Amino acid sequence: MASESTTVSLPNEKRAVLHICCREILRPLRDQILRLAGFEVDSTLTPSEGLQMFWSKHYDLVLIDVEGEDAIHAAETMCSEIKSAQPEQVVAFVCNWRVAMMTDCPDEILRTEFDPAAFANGVREIVTSH
């Protein structure tokens, strides 16, 4: 008698991303790009609110937009606080090459992209590789 195996299909779980971006025009655009790519996205304009959101829910990725050298300190402070509390949490900065050379806290650097598909693919690669 041959045994039958049954494949159980589980619903695809969306990967949760916490997106912190202080640019009011860019944040909703990037949020929508990520949602269209299949991610669950929570976002905020401020690092302080981002930390509150981080403590209330599990995220597969904390994505911090670092625009300009002035934002590096706030982003690194947030990254350090998250990594001190939960070293396994994946944190990525979205930034240009100059900022990327000035930081060492995040697990990954996602280069600033004007191509929505490249942005979504970069986030997908980070989430699936960790």
Protein backbone atom coordinates (compact mmCIF):
# COMPACT_ATOMS: atom_id res chain seq x y z
CA MET A 1 0.00 0.00 0.00
CA ALA A 2 1.56 3.27 -1.11
CA SER A 3 1.57 6.09 1.35
CA GLU A 4 0.18 9.41 0.32
CA SER A 5 1.75 12.64 1.39
CA THR A 6 -0.35 15.68 1.82
CA THR A 7 1.10 19.08 1.13
CA VAL A 8 -0.10 21.72 3.51
CA SER A 9 -0.29 25.18 2.04
CA LEU A 10 0.27 27.88 4.56
CA PRO A 11 -0.62 31.47 3.72
CA ASN A 12 2.32 33.55 2.64
CA GLU A 13 3.31 35.69 5.53
CA LYS A 14 4.24 39.20 4.62
CA ARG A 15 7.58 40.33 5.92
CA ALA A 16 7.19 43.28 8.27
CA VAL A 17 9.29 46.40 7.68
CA LEU A 18 9.56 49.40 9.99
CA HIS A 19 10.48 52.37 7.79
CA ILE A 20 11.80 55.55 9.41
CA CYS A 21 12.10 58.43 6.96
CA CYS A 22 12.02 62.12 7.91
CA ARG A 23 11.18 63.25 4.38
CA GLU A 24 7.41 63.82 4.24
CA ILE A 25 7.13 63.46 0.47
CA LEU A 26 9.42 60.46 0.03
CA ARG A 27 8.22 58.33 2.96
CA PRO A 28 4.73 57.52 1.63
CA LEU A 29 6.16 56.83 -1.82
CA ARG A 30 8.69 54.31 -0.48
CA ASP A 31 6.02 52.81 1.80
CA GLN A 32 3.77 52.23 -1.21
CA ILE A 33 6.63 50.70 -3.23
CA LEU A 34 7.29 48.25 -0.41
CA ARG A 35 3.59 47.41 0.00
CA LEU A 36 3.24 46.76 -3.73
CA ALA A 37 6.27 44.46 -3.45
CA GLY A 38 4.43 42.42 -0.81
CA PHE A 39 5.78 43.81 2.45
CA GLU A 40 3.78 44.86 5.49
CA VAL A 41 4.98 48.39 6.25
CA ASP A 42 4.72 50.59 9.31
CA SER A 43 6.40 53.96 9.01
CA THR A 44 7.07 57.19 10.80
CA LEU A 45 8.84 60.48 10.28
CA THR A 46 10.82 60.46 13.55
CA PRO A 47 13.38 58.13 15.14
CA SER A 48 11.74 58.55 18.57
CA GLU A 49 8.37 57.34 17.27
CA GLY A 50 10.20 54.63 15.33
CA LEU A 51 11.67 53.29 18.57
CA GLN A 52 8.22 53.22 20.18
CA MET A 53 6.88 51.28 17.22
CA PHE A 54 9.87 48.92 17.34
CA TRP A 55 9.19 48.00 20.97
CA SER A 56 5.54 47.20 20.25
CA LYS A 57 5.92 44.73 17.38
CA HIS A 58 8.31 42.30 15.69
CA TYR A 59 9.84 43.53 12.42
CA ASP A 60 11.87 41.52 9.94
CA LEU A 61 13.70 44.71 9.01
CA VAL A 62 14.14 48.18 10.45
CA LEU A 63 14.84 50.45 7.49
CA ILE A 64 16.20 53.89 8.38
CA ASP A 65 16.51 56.59 5.74
CA VAL A 66 19.68 58.59 6.35
CA GLU A 67 19.53 61.75 4.29
CA GLY A 68 22.60 63.91 4.74
CA GLU A 69 25.40 63.88 7.24
CA ASP A 70 23.25 65.56 9.91
CA ALA A 71 20.99 62.50 10.06
CA ILE A 72 23.83 60.03 10.66
CA HIS A 73 24.00 60.62 14.41
CA ALA A 74 20.26 60.10 14.95
CA ALA A 75 20.26 56.97 12.76
CA GLU A 76 23.31 55.49 14.48
CA THR A 77 21.85 56.23 17.92
CA MET A 78 18.64 54.44 16.98
CA CYS A 79 20.54 51.55 15.41
CA SER A 80 22.76 51.15 18.49
CA GLU A 81 19.78 51.16 20.84
CA ILE A 82 18.01 48.50 18.78
CA LYS A 83 21.13 46.33 18.42
CA SER A 84 21.92 46.59 22.14
CA ALA A 85 18.45 45.38 23.06
CA GLN A 86 18.00 42.82 20.25
CA PRO A 87 21.28 41.97 18.51
CA GLU A 88 19.49 39.67 16.05
CA GLN A 89 17.30 42.49 14.69
CA VAL A 90 18.23 43.35 11.10
CA VAL A 91 18.77 47.07 10.58
CA ALA A 92 19.51 48.73 7.24
CA PHE A 93 20.22 52.31 6.29
CA VAL A 94 19.01 53.82 3.03
CA CYS A 95 21.71 56.31 2.11
CA ASN A 96 24.19 57.52 -0.46
CA TRP A 97 27.76 56.24 -0.79
CA ARG A 98 29.25 59.07 1.28
CA VAL A 99 27.03 58.36 4.29
CA ALA A 100 27.65 54.62 3.89
CA MET A 101 31.38 55.21 4.36
CA MET A 102 30.75 57.12 7.60
CA THR A 103 28.76 54.46 9.47
CA ASP A 104 29.28 50.94 10.75
CA CYS A 105 26.17 50.22 12.81
CA PRO A 106 23.64 48.77 10.37
CA ASP A 107 23.74 45.20 9.10
CA GLU A 108 23.17 46.41 5.56
CA ILE A 109 23.35 49.52 3.46
CA LEU A 110 20.74 50.03 0.77
CA ARG A 111 21.92 52.63 -1.69
CA THR A 112 19.52 55.43 -2.46
CA GLU A 113 17.67 54.39 -5.60
CA PHE A 114 15.37 56.31 -7.89
CA ASP A 115 14.30 53.01 -9.42
CA PRO A 116 11.35 51.61 -7.42
CA ALA A 117 12.02 48.01 -8.52
CA ALA A 118 15.67 48.23 -7.47
CA PHE A 119 14.62 49.65 -4.08
CA ALA A 120 12.08 46.85 -3.48
CA ASN A 121 14.54 44.18 -4.66
CA GLY A 122 17.23 45.56 -2.36
CA VAL A 123 14.89 45.31 0.63
CA ARG A 124 13.82 41.80 -0.42
CA GLU A 125 17.47 40.66 -0.65
CA ILE A 126 18.22 42.02 2.82
CA VAL A 127 15.18 40.39 4.42
CA THR A 128 15.72 36.99 2.79
CA SER A 129 19.46 36.89 3.48
CA HIS A 130 19.12 37.37 7.25
